[in-house]
Amino acid sequence: MEHGLSYLGCTAIEDKLQDGVPETIVTLIQAEIRFWVLTGDKLETAIEIAKSCRIIEPDTLVVTLSSLSLDPKSLKIMMNQKIREIRAANSTKRPSRFRRREKPQQ
């Protein structure tokens, strides 16, 4: 019989998306229909789901906003900082697929 061994176990459960979800979301994006995703998952899980749905692509800027404080002044400061980060990233990046496109004048 073996002695002095350490046992290590690992398991994982993956929630599968329903058939057609990624393709449907791509169609919505191509039609320039904006949508929100609301989830009770942890931030990391929500980001991975968004990647699997093709909401977040490899070149997508992901900005997160979280705070332990609900103090309005602190949240406003944090939001303004994130807005500056987004604007800085957008000024050096190719046009985003989520940015409003100007329609040609007729």
N, C-alpha and C. Protein backbone atom coordinates (compact mmCIF):
# COMPACT_ATOMS: atom_id res chain seq x y z
N MET A 1 0.85 -1.17 0.00
CA MET A 1 0.00 0.00 0.00
C MET A 1 0.89 1.24 0.00
N GLU A 2 0.45 2.29 -0.73
CA GLU A 2 1.19 3.54 -0.83
C GLU A 2 1.03 4.35 0.46
N HIS A 3 2.09 5.09 0.82
CA HIS A 3 2.04 5.95 2.01
C HIS A 3 2.57 7.33 1.65
N GLY A 4 2.14 8.35 2.37
CA GLY A 4 2.66 9.70 2.21
C GLY A 4 2.26 10.38 0.90
N LEU A 5 1.19 9.97 0.30
CA LEU A 5 0.75 10.59 -0.95
C LEU A 5 -0.20 11.75 -0.67
N SER A 6 -0.16 12.71 -1.54
CA SER A 6 -1.12 13.82 -1.49
C SER A 6 -2.08 13.64 -2.65
N TYR A 7 -3.35 13.69 -2.35
CA TYR A 7 -4.35 13.55 -3.39
C TYR A 7 -4.82 14.92 -3.83
N LEU A 8 -4.95 15.07 -5.10
CA LEU A 8 -5.39 16.33 -5.66
C LEU A 8 -6.54 16.04 -6.61
N GLY A 9 -7.62 16.76 -6.46
CA GLY A 9 -8.77 16.57 -7.34
C GLY A 9 -9.19 17.89 -7.95
N CYS A 10 -9.77 17.80 -9.11
CA CYS A 10 -10.22 19.01 -9.80
C CYS A 10 -11.44 18.66 -10.64
N THR A 11 -12.37 19.56 -10.70
CA THR A 11 -13.54 19.35 -11.53
C THR A 11 -13.97 20.69 -12.12
N ALA A 12 -14.67 20.65 -13.20
CA ALA A 12 -15.16 21.88 -13.82
C ALA A 12 -16.52 21.60 -14.44
N ILE A 13 -17.35 22.61 -14.41
CA ILE A 13 -18.66 22.51 -15.03
C ILE A 13 -18.78 23.69 -15.99
N GLU A 14 -19.14 23.41 -17.21
CA GLU A 14 -19.29 24.48 -18.19
C GLU A 14 -20.75 24.58 -18.58
N ASP A 15 -21.31 25.76 -18.39
CA ASP A 15 -22.66 26.00 -18.87
C ASP A 15 -22.58 26.27 -20.35
N LYS A 16 -23.26 25.49 -21.12
CA LYS A 16 -23.26 25.67 -22.57
C LYS A 16 -24.31 26.70 -22.96
N LEU A 17 -23.96 27.49 -23.96
CA LEU A 17 -24.93 28.42 -24.52
C LEU A 17 -25.94 27.64 -25.33
N GLN A 18 -27.14 28.15 -25.42
CA GLN A 18 -28.13 27.51 -26.27
C GLN A 18 -27.70 27.63 -27.72
N ASP A 19 -28.12 26.68 -28.53
CA ASP A 19 -27.77 26.69 -29.95
C ASP A 19 -28.21 28.00 -30.59
N GLY A 20 -27.33 28.57 -31.40
CA GLY A 20 -27.66 29.76 -32.16
C GLY A 20 -27.44 31.08 -31.45
N VAL A 21 -27.09 31.06 -30.16
CA VAL A 21 -26.92 32.32 -29.43
C VAL A 21 -25.79 33.17 -30.01
N PRO A 22 -24.58 32.63 -30.20
CA PRO A 22 -23.52 33.48 -30.76
C PRO A 22 -23.87 34.05 -32.13
N GLU A 23 -24.48 33.25 -32.98
CA GLU A 23 -24.84 33.72 -34.33
C GLU A 23 -25.91 34.81 -34.26
N THR A 24 -26.87 34.65 -33.35
CA THR A 24 -27.92 35.65 -33.19
C THR A 24 -27.34 36.97 -32.72
N ILE A 25 -26.40 36.92 -31.78
CA ILE A 25 -25.78 38.14 -31.27
C ILE A 25 -24.96 38.83 -32.36
N VAL A 26 -24.26 38.05 -33.17
CA VAL A 26 -23.51 38.64 -34.29
C VAL A 26 -24.47 39.35 -35.23
N THR A 27 -25.62 38.75 -35.50
CA THR A 27 -26.62 39.37 -36.37
C THR A 27 -27.13 40.68 -35.77
N LEU A 28 -27.38 40.70 -34.47
CA LEU A 28 -27.83 41.93 -33.81
C LEU A 28 -26.77 43.02 -33.93
N ILE A 29 -25.52 42.65 -33.73
CA ILE A 29 -24.42 43.61 -33.82
C ILE A 29 -24.30 44.15 -35.24
N GLN A 30 -24.39 43.27 -36.22
CA GLN A 30 -24.30 43.70 -37.62
C GLN A 30 -25.45 44.63 -37.99
N ALA A 31 -26.61 44.44 -37.36
CA ALA A 31 -27.76 45.30 -37.61
C ALA A 31 -27.70 46.58 -36.77
N GLU A 32 -26.59 46.76 -36.06
CA GLU A 32 -26.37 47.92 -35.20
C GLU A 32 -27.45 48.07 -34.14
N ILE A 33 -27.94 46.94 -33.65
CA ILE A 33 -28.89 46.93 -32.55
C ILE A 33 -28.09 46.80 -31.26
N ARG A 34 -28.29 47.76 -30.38
CA ARG A 34 -27.56 47.75 -29.12
C ARG A 34 -28.34 46.94 -28.09
N PHE A 35 -27.61 46.27 -27.24
CA PHE A 35 -28.26 45.47 -26.21
C PHE A 35 -27.36 45.44 -24.98
N TRP A 36 -27.94 45.10 -23.86
CA TRP A 36 -27.22 44.99 -22.60
C TRP A 36 -27.30 43.54 -22.16
N VAL A 37 -26.29 43.12 -21.44
CA VAL A 37 -26.29 41.79 -20.84
C VAL A 37 -26.25 41.98 -19.33
N LEU A 38 -27.20 41.41 -18.65
CA LEU A 38 -27.27 41.50 -17.20
C LEU A 38 -27.11 40.10 -16.65
N THR A 39 -26.16 39.92 -15.75
CA THR A 39 -25.92 38.59 -15.20
C THR A 39 -25.58 38.69 -13.72
N GLY A 40 -25.86 37.65 -13.02
CA GLY A 40 -25.51 37.58 -11.60
C GLY A 40 -24.19 36.85 -11.40
N ASP A 41 -23.52 36.53 -12.50
CA ASP A 41 -22.26 35.80 -12.41
C ASP A 41 -21.14 36.68 -11.90
N LYS A 42 -20.05 36.04 -11.51
CA LYS A 42 -18.85 36.78 -11.17
C LYS A 42 -18.35 37.50 -12.42
N LEU A 43 -17.59 38.56 -12.22
CA LEU A 43 -17.09 39.36 -13.34
C LEU A 43 -16.34 38.49 -14.35
N GLU A 44 -15.45 37.63 -13.87
CA GLU A 44 -14.65 36.79 -14.77
C GLU A 44 -15.55 35.87 -15.60
N THR A 45 -16.58 35.32 -14.96
CA THR A 45 -17.51 34.42 -15.66
C THR A 45 -18.28 35.20 -16.72
N ALA A 46 -18.75 36.38 -16.36
CA ALA A 46 -19.51 37.20 -17.30
C ALA A 46 -18.67 37.55 -18.52
N ILE A 47 -17.40 37.87 -18.31
CA ILE A 47 -16.52 38.21 -19.44
C ILE A 47 -16.31 36.99 -20.33
N GLU A 48 -16.11 35.82 -19.75
CA GLU A 48 -15.93 34.61 -20.55
C GLU A 48 -17.19 34.27 -21.34
N ILE A 49 -18.36 34.47 -20.74
CA ILE A 49 -19.61 34.24 -21.46
C ILE A 49 -19.71 35.21 -22.63
N ALA A 50 -19.38 36.48 -22.39
CA ALA A 50 -19.42 37.48 -23.46
C ALA A 50 -18.46 37.12 -24.59
N LYS A 51 -17.31 36.55 -24.27
CA LYS A 51 -16.37 36.11 -25.30
C LYS A 51 -16.96 34.94 -26.09
N SER A 52 -17.57 34.00 -25.40
CA SER A 52 -18.12 32.84 -26.11
C SER A 52 -19.32 33.23 -26.97
N CYS A 53 -20.02 34.30 -26.60
CA CYS A 53 -21.15 34.80 -27.40
C CYS A 53 -20.69 35.73 -28.52
N ARG A 54 -19.41 36.01 -28.56
CA ARG A 54 -18.82 36.92 -29.54
C ARG A 54 -19.26 38.37 -29.33
N ILE A 55 -19.65 38.71 -28.09
CA ILE A 55 -19.91 40.10 -27.76
C ILE A 55 -18.56 40.80 -27.55
N ILE A 56 -17.65 40.10 -26.91
CA ILE A 56 -16.29 40.61 -26.72
C ILE A 56 -15.38 39.84 -27.67
N GLU A 57 -14.73 40.58 -28.55
CA GLU A 57 -13.78 39.99 -29.48
C GLU A 57 -12.36 40.27 -28.99
N PRO A 58 -11.35 39.61 -29.55
CA PRO A 58 -9.98 39.81 -29.06
C PRO A 58 -9.52 41.27 -29.03
N ASP A 59 -10.02 42.10 -29.95
CA ASP A 59 -9.59 43.50 -29.98
C ASP A 59 -10.55 44.45 -29.26
N THR A 60 -11.51 43.91 -28.53
CA THR A 60 -12.48 44.73 -27.82
C THR A 60 -11.88 45.28 -26.53
N LEU A 61 -12.07 46.57 -26.31
CA LEU A 61 -11.66 47.20 -25.06
C LEU A 61 -12.70 46.84 -24.00
N VAL A 62 -12.27 46.18 -22.94
CA VAL A 62 -13.17 45.81 -21.85
C VAL A 62 -12.88 46.74 -20.68
N VAL A 63 -13.89 47.47 -20.26
CA VAL A 63 -13.75 48.39 -19.15
C VAL A 63 -14.70 47.93 -18.06
N THR A 64 -14.19 47.77 -16.86
CA THR A 64 -15.04 47.35 -15.75
C THR A 64 -15.10 48.47 -14.72
N LEU A 65 -16.21 48.57 -14.08
CA LEU A 65 -16.42 49.56 -13.04
C LEU A 65 -17.00 48.84 -11.84
N SER A 66 -16.26 48.86 -10.75
CA SER A 66 -16.77 48.22 -9.54
C SER A 66 -16.28 49.02 -8.34
N SER A 67 -17.06 48.98 -7.31
CA SER A 67 -16.72 49.74 -6.12
C SER A 67 -17.36 49.09 -4.90
N LEU A 68 -16.65 49.14 -3.80
CA LEU A 68 -17.23 48.67 -2.54
C LEU A 68 -18.06 49.78 -1.91
N SER A 69 -17.85 50.99 -2.38
CA SER A 69 -18.55 52.16 -1.85
C SER A 69 -19.64 52.58 -2.82
N LEU A 70 -20.77 52.93 -2.29
CA LEU A 70 -21.84 53.45 -3.13
C LEU A 70 -21.93 54.97 -3.00
N ASP A 71 -20.89 55.57 -2.46
CA ASP A 71 -20.82 57.02 -2.32
C ASP A 71 -20.88 57.65 -3.71
N PRO A 72 -21.89 58.47 -3.98
CA PRO A 72 -22.06 59.06 -5.32
C PRO A 72 -20.84 59.83 -5.82
N LYS A 73 -20.17 60.56 -4.95
CA LYS A 73 -19.01 61.34 -5.36
C LYS A 73 -17.88 60.42 -5.82
N SER A 74 -17.64 59.35 -5.08
CA SER A 74 -16.59 58.39 -5.46
C SER A 74 -16.92 57.70 -6.77
N LEU A 75 -18.18 57.31 -6.94
CA LEU A 75 -18.59 56.64 -8.17
C LEU A 75 -18.45 57.58 -9.37
N LYS A 76 -18.80 58.85 -9.19
CA LYS A 76 -18.68 59.81 -10.28
C LYS A 76 -17.22 59.98 -10.70
N ILE A 77 -16.32 60.07 -9.73
CA ILE A 77 -14.89 60.18 -10.03
C ILE A 77 -14.41 58.95 -10.79
N MET A 78 -14.82 57.77 -10.33
CA MET A 78 -14.42 56.53 -10.98
C MET A 78 -14.96 56.44 -12.41
N MET A 79 -16.23 56.82 -12.59
CA MET A 79 -16.83 56.78 -13.92
C MET A 79 -16.13 57.74 -14.87
N ASN A 80 -15.81 58.93 -14.40
CA ASN A 80 -15.11 59.90 -15.25
C ASN A 80 -13.74 59.38 -15.67
N GLN A 81 -13.05 58.70 -14.76
CA GLN A 81 -11.75 58.12 -15.10
C GLN A 81 -11.91 57.05 -16.19
N LYS A 82 -12.93 56.22 -16.07
CA LYS A 82 -13.17 55.18 -17.08
C LYS A 82 -13.52 55.80 -18.43
N ILE A 83 -14.30 56.87 -18.40
CA ILE A 83 -14.65 57.56 -19.65
C ILE A 83 -13.39 58.10 -20.33
N ARG A 84 -12.47 58.66 -19.54
CA ARG A 84 -11.20 59.14 -20.12
C ARG A 84 -10.40 57.99 -20.72
N GLU A 85 -10.40 56.83 -20.04
CA GLU A 85 -9.69 55.66 -20.57
C GLU A 85 -10.29 55.22 -21.90
N ILE A 86 -11.60 55.20 -21.99
CA ILE A 86 -12.28 54.78 -23.22
C ILE A 86 -11.97 55.75 -24.35
N ARG A 87 -12.07 57.04 -24.06
CA ARG A 87 -11.79 58.04 -25.09
C ARG A 87 -10.34 57.94 -25.57
N ALA A 88 -9.42 57.73 -24.66
CA ALA A 88 -8.01 57.60 -25.04
C ALA A 88 -7.81 56.37 -25.91
N ALA A 89 -8.44 55.27 -25.56
CA ALA A 89 -8.31 54.04 -26.35
C ALA A 89 -8.95 54.21 -27.72
N ASN A 90 -10.09 54.86 -27.78
CA ASN A 90 -10.78 55.06 -29.06
C ASN A 90 -10.04 56.01 -29.98
N SER A 91 -9.28 56.93 -29.42
CA SER A 91 -8.56 57.88 -30.28
C SER A 91 -7.35 57.24 -30.95
N THR A 92 -6.89 56.10 -30.43
CA THR A 92 -5.73 55.43 -31.01
C THR A 92 -6.09 54.13 -31.69
N LYS A 93 -7.36 53.82 -31.76
CA LYS A 93 -7.83 52.52 -32.25
C LYS A 93 -8.68 52.73 -33.50
N ARG A 94 -8.77 51.68 -34.29
CA ARG A 94 -9.64 51.73 -35.46
C ARG A 94 -11.07 51.90 -34.97
N PRO A 95 -11.98 52.37 -35.83
CA PRO A 95 -13.36 52.61 -35.40
C PRO A 95 -13.98 51.35 -34.80
N SER A 96 -14.68 51.53 -33.71
CA SER A 96 -15.33 50.43 -33.03
C SER A 96 -16.59 50.02 -33.76
N ARG A 97 -16.93 48.76 -33.70
CA ARG A 97 -18.17 48.31 -34.32
C ARG A 97 -19.37 48.80 -33.53
N PHE A 98 -19.14 49.31 -32.31
CA PHE A 98 -20.22 49.81 -31.49
C PHE A 98 -20.37 51.33 -31.60
N ARG A 99 -19.44 51.99 -32.24
CA ARG A 99 -19.51 53.45 -32.37
C ARG A 99 -20.54 53.80 -33.41
N ARG A 100 -21.32 54.84 -33.14
CA ARG A 100 -22.35 55.28 -34.09
C ARG A 100 -21.70 55.76 -35.37
N ARG A 101 -22.20 55.29 -36.48
CA ARG A 101 -21.70 55.72 -37.78
C ARG A 101 -22.58 56.83 -38.30
N GLU A 102 -21.96 57.85 -38.85
CA GLU A 102 -22.72 58.94 -39.44
C GLU A 102 -23.33 58.47 -40.75
N LYS A 103 -24.61 58.81 -40.95
CA LYS A 103 -25.29 58.45 -42.19
C LYS A 103 -25.01 59.53 -43.22
N PRO A 104 -24.76 59.13 -44.45
CA PRO A 104 -24.49 60.12 -45.48
C PRO A 104 -25.69 61.04 -45.69
N GLN A 105 -25.41 62.31 -45.91
CA GLN A 105 -26.48 63.26 -46.14
C GLN A 105 -26.96 63.12 -47.59
N GLN A 106 -28.24 63.28 -47.77
CA GLN A 106 -28.80 63.10 -49.12
C GLN A 106 -29.25 64.41 -49.70
